[in-house]
């Protein structure tokens, strides 16, 4: 049997990751640290004022298509997974920063004239950075609206809890600071601190790693680029 990997991503974002883990021969167990809810929109979104769309997550794309039928506006995406979601849902003009929020800001600066009009950013209530603040000095107007909610988990699934207690888990994957923070809270709640000494953690970015630094791990690793592809490559290296 292959190594057992604990996935902490929300269910809505996990299908591609789980398929990649299975292709690589890893066993997996999921403990989603966030649960995504999409409220029913009160009315369709008028996209007329906007020259483009900013997507910092695939869930932002999923939420937008509930608000509007417009697929012709340029879609500026934080990473390739978000860009693939745009492609699947029929957007016509897609660009990917293939990185983090700062790479996305650079992509916007290089492709969008702030004088042409505002940009629409469908997002969760809590985000990993303020893109509007980053771009404000450059003259960009970002209309960020909360279009979905990411609720923190309050318990671990029984199969994931059992695997941790039995010390079966080889590696935990972390994709965002908030999922990492939620995992740490649950570890303390279940008193699992001593059960992680033989477990490695692989993090999408230094910001994610910082949120789990007060736990005792066998090793922690950070992907050299903040993408799923680089994280999985690091997973392969760490378990080879």
C-alpha atoms as a PDB file:
ATOM      1  CA  UNK A   1       0.000   0.000   0.000  1.00  0.00           C
ATOM      2  CA  UNK A   2       1.122   3.557  -0.726  1.00  0.00           C
ATOM      3  CA  UNK A   3       1.619   6.310   1.853  1.00  0.00           C
ATOM      4  CA  UNK A   4      -1.508   7.800   3.416  1.00  0.00           C
ATOM      5  CA  UNK A   5      -2.066  11.496   2.681  1.00  0.00           C
ATOM      6  CA  UNK A   6      -4.505  13.647   4.660  1.00  0.00           C
ATOM      7  CA  UNK A   7      -6.239  16.239   2.475  1.00  0.00           C
ATOM      8  CA  UNK A   8      -7.562  19.346   4.257  1.00  0.00           C
ATOM      9  CA  UNK A   9      -9.067  21.135   1.239  1.00  0.00           C
ATOM     10  CA  UNK A  10     -12.810  21.865   0.997  1.00  0.00           C
ATOM     11  CA  UNK A  11     -14.786  19.207  -0.850  1.00  0.00           C
ATOM     12  CA  UNK A  12     -15.552  21.649  -3.685  1.00  0.00           C
ATOM     13  CA  UNK A  13     -11.823  21.976  -4.450  1.00  0.00           C
ATOM     14  CA  UNK A  14     -10.705  18.390  -3.920  1.00  0.00           C
ATOM     15  CA  UNK A  15     -11.747  16.372  -6.974  1.00  0.00           C
ATOM     16  CA  UNK A  16      -8.679  17.228  -9.057  1.00  0.00           C
ATOM     17  CA  UNK A  17      -6.335  16.785  -6.091  1.00  0.00           C
ATOM     18  CA  UNK A  18      -7.756  13.384  -5.161  1.00  0.00           C
ATOM     19  CA  UNK A  19      -7.487  12.193  -8.767  1.00  0.00           C
ATOM     20  CA  UNK A  20      -3.829  13.296  -8.823  1.00  0.00           C
ATOM     21  CA  UNK A  21      -3.099  11.494  -5.539  1.00  0.00           C
ATOM     22  CA  UNK A  22      -4.643   8.282  -6.840  1.00  0.00           C
ATOM     23  CA  UNK A  23      -2.716   8.521 -10.099  1.00  0.00           C
ATOM     24  CA  UNK A  24       0.480   8.767  -8.052  1.00  0.00           C
ATOM     25  CA  UNK A  25      -0.435   5.701  -6.006  1.00  0.00           C
ATOM     26  CA  UNK A  26      -1.152   7.442  -2.708  1.00  0.00           C
ATOM     27  CA  UNK A  27      -3.903   6.440  -0.340  1.00  0.00           C
ATOM     28  CA  UNK A  28      -5.880   9.409   0.936  1.00  0.00           C
ATOM     29  CA  UNK A  29      -8.305  10.493   3.610  1.00  0.00           C
ATOM     30  CA  UNK A  30     -10.107  13.825   3.641  1.00  0.00           C
ATOM     31  CA  UNK A  31     -10.767  16.190   6.513  1.00  0.00           C
ATOM     32  CA  UNK A  32     -12.141  19.392   4.932  1.00  0.00           C
ATOM     33  CA  UNK A  33     -11.215  22.314   7.172  1.00  0.00           C
ATOM     34  CA  UNK A  34     -13.669  24.642   5.430  1.00  0.00           C
ATOM     35  CA  UNK A  35     -17.187  24.049   4.151  1.00  0.00           C
ATOM     36  CA  UNK A  36     -18.289  26.255   1.274  1.00  0.00           C
ATOM     37  CA  UNK A  37     -21.812  27.682   1.092  1.00  0.00           C
ATOM     38  CA  UNK A  38     -23.225  29.591  -1.880  1.00  0.00           C
ATOM     39  CA  UNK A  39     -26.192  31.793  -0.851  1.00  0.00           C
ATOM     40  CA  UNK A  40     -28.934  32.292  -3.410  1.00  0.00           C
ATOM     41  CA  UNK A  41     -28.345  35.646  -5.138  1.00  0.00           C
ATOM     42  CA  UNK A  42     -31.038  38.239  -4.536  1.00  0.00           C
ATOM     43  CA  UNK A  43     -30.822  39.480  -8.145  1.00  0.00           C
ATOM     44  CA  UNK A  44     -28.603  39.040 -11.205  1.00  0.00           C
ATOM     45  CA  UNK A  45     -25.371  41.018 -11.267  1.00  0.00           C
ATOM     46  CA  UNK A  46     -25.163  43.948 -13.672  1.00  0.00           C
ATOM     47  CA  UNK A  47     -21.688  43.536 -15.204  1.00  0.00           C
ATOM     48  CA  UNK A  48     -21.992  46.642 -17.422  1.00  0.00           C
ATOM     49  CA  UNK A  49     -19.684  48.843 -15.263  1.00  0.00           C
ATOM     50  CA  UNK A  50     -16.832  46.320 -15.204  1.00  0.00           C
ATOM     51  CA  UNK A  51     -13.952  45.856 -17.620  1.00  0.00           C
ATOM     52  CA  UNK A  52     -12.891  42.519 -16.136  1.00  0.00           C
ATOM     53  CA  UNK A  53     -13.235  39.909 -13.417  1.00  0.00           C
ATOM     54  CA  UNK A  54     -10.767  38.909 -10.710  1.00  0.00           C
ATOM     55  CA  UNK A  55     -10.855  35.356  -9.386  1.00  0.00           C
ATOM     56  CA  UNK A  56      -8.755  34.371  -6.373  1.00  0.00           C
ATOM     57  CA  UNK A  57     -10.329  30.920  -6.059  1.00  0.00           C
ATOM     58  CA  UNK A  58     -12.301  28.386  -8.047  1.00  0.00           C
ATOM     59  CA  UNK A  59     -15.160  28.951  -5.614  1.00  0.00           C
ATOM     60  CA  UNK A  60     -15.249  32.586  -6.689  1.00  0.00           C
ATOM     61  CA  UNK A  61     -15.802  31.352 -10.245  1.00  0.00           C
ATOM     62  CA  UNK A  62     -18.547  28.986  -9.100  1.00  0.00           C
ATOM     63  CA  UNK A  63     -20.228  31.821  -7.237  1.00  0.00           C
ATOM     64  CA  UNK A  64     -19.979  34.267 -10.139  1.00  0.00           C
ATOM     65  CA  UNK A  65     -21.788  31.990 -12.595  1.00  0.00           C
ATOM     66  CA  UNK A  66     -24.731  32.003 -10.174  1.00  0.00           C
ATOM     67  CA  UNK A  67     -24.812  35.801 -10.430  1.00  0.00           C
ATOM     68  CA  UNK A  68     -24.350  36.405 -14.159  1.00  0.00           C
ATOM     69  CA  UNK A  69     -24.489  34.761 -17.594  1.00  0.00           C
ATOM     70  CA  UNK A  70     -21.673  37.015 -18.862  1.00  0.00           C
ATOM     71  CA  UNK A  71     -18.657  34.927 -19.918  1.00  0.00           C
ATOM     72  CA  UNK A  72     -17.096  37.510 -22.251  1.00  0.00           C
ATOM     73  CA  UNK A  73     -15.322  39.720 -19.698  1.00  0.00           C
ATOM     74  CA  UNK A  74     -11.600  39.032 -19.206  1.00  0.00           C
ATOM     75  CA  UNK A  75     -11.079  36.618 -16.291  1.00  0.00           C
ATOM     76  CA  UNK A  76      -7.858  37.262 -14.349  1.00  0.00           C
ATOM     77  CA  UNK A  77      -7.106  34.226 -12.196  1.00  0.00           C
ATOM     78  CA  UNK A  78      -4.714  33.702  -9.313  1.00  0.00           C
ATOM     79  CA  UNK A  79      -3.678  30.227 -10.466  1.00  0.00           C
ATOM     80  CA  UNK A  80      -4.070  27.535 -13.077  1.00  0.00           C
ATOM     81  CA  UNK A  81      -6.707  25.547 -11.151  1.00  0.00           C
ATOM     82  CA  UNK A  82      -8.920  28.643 -11.015  1.00  0.00           C
ATOM     83  CA  UNK A  83      -8.256  29.286 -14.703  1.00  0.00           C
ATOM     84  CA  UNK A  84      -9.264  25.705 -15.530  1.00  0.00           C
ATOM     85  CA  UNK A  85     -12.547  26.246 -13.691  1.00  0.00           C
ATOM     86  CA  UNK A  86     -13.141  29.356 -15.828  1.00  0.00           C
ATOM     87  CA  UNK A  87     -12.457  27.305 -18.952  1.00  0.00           C
ATOM     88  CA  UNK A  88     -14.848  24.554 -17.846  1.00  0.00           C
ATOM     89  CA  UNK A  89     -17.600  27.113 -17.229  1.00  0.00           C
ATOM     90  CA  UNK A  90     -17.267  28.775 -20.613  1.00  0.00           C
ATOM     91  CA  UNK A  91     -15.281  31.978 -20.052  1.00  0.00           C
ATOM     92  CA  UNK A  92     -13.829  33.297 -23.287  1.00  0.00           C
ATOM     93  CA  UNK A  93     -10.771  35.324 -22.196  1.00  0.00           C
ATOM     94  CA  UNK A  94      -8.743  33.785 -19.369  1.00  0.00           C
ATOM     95  CA  UNK A  95      -5.354  34.689 -17.934  1.00  0.00           C
ATOM     96  CA  UNK A  96      -3.603  32.935 -15.058  1.00  0.00           C
ATOM     97  CA  UNK A  97      -0.999  34.421 -12.723  1.00  0.00           C
ATOM     98  CA  UNK A  98       0.055  30.866 -11.788  1.00  0.00           C
ATOM     99  CA  UNK A  99       0.995  32.048  -8.308  1.00  0.00           C
ATOM    100  CA  UNK A 100      -0.341  33.968  -5.338  1.00  0.00           C
ATOM    101  CA  UNK A 101      -2.184  37.245  -4.807  1.00  0.00           C
ATOM    102  CA  UNK A 102       0.958  39.300  -5.500  1.00  0.00           C
ATOM    103  CA  UNK A 103       1.490  37.495  -8.810  1.00  0.00           C
ATOM    104  CA  UNK A 104      -2.161  38.215  -9.621  1.00  0.00           C
ATOM    105  CA  UNK A 105      -1.621  41.907  -8.864  1.00  0.00           C
ATOM    106  CA  UNK A 106       1.333  41.906 -11.267  1.00  0.00           C
ATOM    107  CA  UNK A 107      -0.806  40.204 -13.926  1.00  0.00           C
ATOM    108  CA  UNK A 108      -3.470  42.899 -13.536  1.00  0.00           C
ATOM    109  CA  UNK A 109      -0.927  45.709 -13.752  1.00  0.00           C
ATOM    110  CA  UNK A 110       0.503  44.202 -16.928  1.00  0.00           C
ATOM    111  CA  UNK A 111      -2.807  43.664 -18.717  1.00  0.00           C
ATOM    112  CA  UNK A 112      -5.432  46.073 -17.405  1.00  0.00           C
ATOM    113  CA  UNK A 113      -5.559  49.866 -17.748  1.00  0.00           C
ATOM    114  CA  UNK A 114      -7.035  51.258 -14.511  1.00  0.00           C
ATOM    115  CA  UNK A 115      -8.540  54.187 -16.428  1.00  0.00           C
ATOM    116  CA  UNK A 116     -10.790  51.871 -18.442  1.00  0.00           C
ATOM    117  CA  UNK A 117     -13.057  50.976 -15.525  1.00  0.00           C
ATOM    118  CA  UNK A 118     -13.430  48.963 -12.314  1.00  0.00           C
ATOM    119  CA  UNK A 119     -12.854  45.234 -11.839  1.00  0.00           C
ATOM    120  CA  UNK A 120     -15.271  42.869 -10.118  1.00  0.00           C
ATOM    121  CA  UNK A 121     -13.879  40.474  -7.497  1.00  0.00           C
ATOM    122  CA  UNK A 122     -16.321  37.811  -6.230  1.00  0.00           C
ATOM    123  CA  UNK A 123     -14.858  36.427  -3.016  1.00  0.00           C
ATOM    124  CA  UNK A 124     -15.431  34.933   0.404  1.00  0.00           C
ATOM    125  CA  UNK A 125     -15.895  37.132   3.454  1.00  0.00           C
ATOM    126  CA  UNK A 126     -12.377  36.223   4.598  1.00  0.00           C
ATOM    127  CA  UNK A 127      -9.588  36.290   2.027  1.00  0.00           C
ATOM    128  CA  UNK A 128      -5.851  35.636   2.198  1.00  0.00           C
ATOM    129  CA  UNK A 129      -4.877  39.224   1.406  1.00  0.00           C
ATOM    130  CA  UNK A 130      -6.456  42.486   0.288  1.00  0.00           C
ATOM    131  CA  UNK A 131      -6.022  42.798  -3.459  1.00  0.00           C
ATOM    132  CA  UNK A 132      -7.831  46.132  -3.511  1.00  0.00           C
ATOM    133  CA  UNK A 133      -5.345  47.581  -1.041  1.00  0.00           C
ATOM    134  CA  UNK A 134      -2.383  46.217  -3.014  1.00  0.00           C
ATOM    135  CA  UNK A 135      -3.600  47.839  -6.238  1.00  0.00           C
ATOM    136  CA  UNK A 136      -5.154  51.032  -4.873  1.00  0.00           C
ATOM    137  CA  UNK A 137      -1.993  53.115  -5.256  1.00  0.00           C
ATOM    138  CA  UNK A 138      -1.852  52.098  -8.917  1.00  0.00           C
ATOM    139  CA  UNK A 139      -5.283  53.627  -9.501  1.00  0.00           C
ATOM    140  CA  UNK A 140      -7.318  50.440  -9.764  1.00  0.00           C
ATOM    141  CA  UNK A 141     -10.863  50.277  -8.471  1.00  0.00           C
ATOM    142  CA  UNK A 142     -11.698  46.770  -7.212  1.00  0.00           C
ATOM    143  CA  UNK A 143     -15.319  46.017  -6.379  1.00  0.00           C
ATOM    144  CA  UNK A 144     -15.003  43.058  -4.023  1.00  0.00           C
ATOM    145  CA  UNK A 145     -18.279  41.432  -3.038  1.00  0.00           C
ATOM    146  CA  UNK A 146     -18.913  38.547  -0.677  1.00  0.00           C
ATOM    147  CA  UNK A 147     -20.603  35.891  -2.797  1.00  0.00           C
ATOM    148  CA  UNK A 148     -19.855  32.736  -0.818  1.00  0.00           C
ATOM    149  CA  UNK A 149     -19.060  31.726   2.733  1.00  0.00           C
ATOM    150  CA  UNK A 150     -16.269  29.463   3.936  1.00  0.00           C
ATOM    151  CA  UNK A 151     -17.279  28.025   7.316  1.00  0.00           C
ATOM    152  CA  UNK A 152     -14.567  26.545   9.516  1.00  0.00           C
ATOM    153  CA  UNK A 153     -15.022  22.891  10.487  1.00  0.00           C
ATOM    154  CA  UNK A 154     -15.748  22.177  14.121  1.00  0.00           C
ATOM    155  CA  UNK A 155     -14.857  18.476  14.104  1.00  0.00           C
ATOM    156  CA  UNK A 156     -12.708  15.924  12.342  1.00  0.00           C
ATOM    157  CA  UNK A 157     -14.311  13.168  10.265  1.00  0.00           C
ATOM    158  CA  UNK A 158     -14.100   9.863  12.131  1.00  0.00           C
ATOM    159  CA  UNK A 159     -11.929   8.138   9.511  1.00  0.00           C
ATOM    160  CA  UNK A 160      -9.401  10.985   9.564  1.00  0.00           C
ATOM    161  CA  UNK A 161      -9.392  11.061  13.370  1.00  0.00           C
ATOM    162  CA  UNK A 162      -8.855   7.299  13.534  1.00  0.00           C
ATOM    163  CA  UNK A 163      -5.993   7.478  11.024  1.00  0.00           C
ATOM    164  CA  UNK A 164      -4.229  10.169  13.066  1.00  0.00           C
ATOM    165  CA  UNK A 165      -4.678   8.299  16.340  1.00  0.00           C
ATOM    166  CA  UNK A 166      -3.361   5.062  14.763  1.00  0.00           C
ATOM    167  CA  UNK A 167      -0.379   7.020  13.372  1.00  0.00           C
ATOM    168  CA  UNK A 168      -1.278   5.872   9.860  1.00  0.00           C
ATOM    169  CA  UNK A 169      -1.012   9.343   8.268  1.00  0.00           C
ATOM    170  CA  UNK A 170       2.288  10.053   6.541  1.00  0.00           C
ATOM    171  CA  UNK A 171       1.648  13.597   5.277  1.00  0.00           C
ATOM    172  CA  UNK A 172      -0.908  16.381   5.683  1.00  0.00           C
ATOM    173  CA  UNK A 173      -1.485  18.817   2.815  1.00  0.00           C
ATOM    174  CA  UNK A 174      -2.297  22.483   3.564  1.00  0.00           C
ATOM    175  CA  UNK A 175      -3.426  24.925   0.884  1.00  0.00           C
ATOM    176  CA  UNK A 176      -4.425  28.072   2.791  1.00  0.00           C
ATOM    177  CA  UNK A 177      -3.685  29.883   6.053  1.00  0.00           C
ATOM    178  CA  UNK A 178      -7.275  29.499   7.207  1.00  0.00           C
ATOM    179  CA  UNK A 179      -7.393  25.733   6.645  1.00  0.00           C
ATOM    180  CA  UNK A 180      -4.110  25.466   8.542  1.00  0.00           C
ATOM    181  CA  UNK A 181      -5.442  27.550  11.433  1.00  0.00           C
ATOM    182  CA  UNK A 182      -8.594  25.434  11.623  1.00  0.00           C
ATOM    183  CA  UNK A 183      -6.556  22.221  11.652  1.00  0.00           C
ATOM    184  CA  UNK A 184      -4.425  23.507  14.543  1.00  0.00           C
ATOM    185  CA  UNK A 185      -7.543  24.357  16.555  1.00  0.00           C
ATOM    186  CA  UNK A 186      -8.948  20.878  16.012  1.00  0.00           C
ATOM    187  CA  UNK A 187      -5.661  19.221  16.930  1.00  0.00           C
ATOM    188  CA  UNK A 188      -5.758  21.046  20.265  1.00  0.00           C
ATOM    189  CA  UNK A 189      -9.465  20.286  20.698  1.00  0.00           C
ATOM    190  CA  UNK A 190      -8.914  16.539  20.192  1.00  0.00           C
ATOM    191  CA  UNK A 191      -5.571  16.589  22.064  1.00  0.00           C
ATOM    192  CA  UNK A 192      -3.716  15.124  19.095  1.00  0.00           C
ATOM    193  CA  UNK A 193      -0.495  17.098  19.551  1.00  0.00           C
ATOM    194  CA  UNK A 194       1.534  13.979  20.346  1.00  0.00           C
ATOM    195  CA  UNK A 195       0.169  12.103  17.349  1.00  0.00           C
ATOM    196  CA  UNK A 196       1.863  14.370  14.792  1.00  0.00           C
ATOM    197  CA  UNK A 197       5.492  13.691  15.712  1.00  0.00           C
ATOM    198  CA  UNK A 198       5.863  11.209  12.859  1.00  0.00           C
ATOM    199  CA  UNK A 199       3.784  13.176  10.355  1.00  0.00           C
ATOM    200  CA  UNK A 200       5.085  15.599   7.729  1.00  0.00           C
ATOM    201  CA  UNK A 201       3.246  18.720   6.587  1.00  0.00           C
ATOM    202  CA  UNK A 202       3.424  20.130   3.082  1.00  0.00           C
ATOM    203  CA  UNK A 203       2.295  23.746   2.709  1.00  0.00           C
ATOM    204  CA  UNK A 204       1.419  25.849  -0.299  1.00  0.00           C
ATOM    205  CA  UNK A 205       3.288  28.922   0.978  1.00  0.00           C
ATOM    206  CA  UNK A 206       5.329  30.288   3.905  1.00  0.00           C
ATOM    207  CA  UNK A 207       2.165  32.030   5.164  1.00  0.00           C
ATOM    208  CA  UNK A 208       0.474  28.635   5.417  1.00  0.00           C
ATOM    209  CA  UNK A 209       3.499  27.075   7.139  1.00  0.00           C
ATOM    210  CA  UNK A 210       3.543  29.838   9.749  1.00  0.00           C
ATOM    211  CA  UNK A 211       0.037  28.861  10.895  1.00  0.00           C
ATOM    212  CA  UNK A 212       1.100  25.299  11.816  1.00  0.00           C
ATOM    213  CA  UNK A 213       4.494  26.157  13.309  1.00  0.00           C
ATOM    214  CA  UNK A 214       3.371  25.725  16.926  1.00  0.00           C
ATOM    215  CA  UNK A 215       2.720  22.006  16.368  1.00  0.00           C
ATOM    216  CA  UNK A 216       5.435  19.359  16.547  1.00  0.00           C
ATOM    217  CA  UNK A 217       5.881  17.752  13.121  1.00  0.00           C
ATOM    218  CA  UNK A 218       8.327  15.229  11.744  1.00  0.00           C
ATOM    219  CA  UNK A 219       9.083  17.735   8.983  1.00  0.00           C
ATOM    220  CA  UNK A 220       7.400  20.691   7.311  1.00  0.00           C
ATOM    221  CA  UNK A 221       7.909  21.611   3.670  1.00  0.00           C
ATOM    222  CA  UNK A 222       6.871  24.613   1.565  1.00  0.00           C
ATOM    223  CA  UNK A 223       6.203  24.424  -2.174  1.00  0.00           C
ATOM    224  CA  UNK A 224       8.645  26.516  -4.209  1.00  0.00           C
ATOM    225  CA  UNK A 225       5.684  28.014  -6.100  1.00  0.00           C
ATOM    226  CA  UNK A 226       2.167  28.388  -4.630  1.00  0.00           C
ATOM    227  CA  UNK A 227       0.427  25.959  -6.981  1.00  0.00           C
ATOM    228  CA  UNK A 228      -1.027  22.487  -6.592  1.00  0.00           C
ATOM    229  CA  UNK A 229       1.396  21.125  -9.178  1.00  0.00           C
ATOM    230  CA  UNK A 230       4.441  22.283  -7.199  1.00  0.00           C
ATOM    231  CA  UNK A 231       2.921  21.043  -3.947  1.00  0.00           C
ATOM    232  CA  UNK A 232       2.361  17.574  -5.418  1.00  0.00           C
ATOM    233  CA  UNK A 233       5.890  17.526  -6.817  1.00  0.00           C
ATOM    234  CA  UNK A 234       7.190  18.286  -3.326  1.00  0.00           C
ATOM    235  CA  UNK A 235       4.990  15.511  -1.932  1.00  0.00           C
ATOM    236  CA  UNK A 236       6.590  13.054  -4.374  1.00  0.00           C
ATOM    237  CA  UNK A 237      10.087  14.181  -3.347  1.00  0.00           C
ATOM    238  CA  UNK A 238       9.366  13.974   0.368  1.00  0.00           C
ATOM    239  CA  UNK A 239       7.989  10.432   0.161  1.00  0.00           C
ATOM    240  CA  UNK A 240      10.455   9.008  -2.339  1.00  0.00           C
END
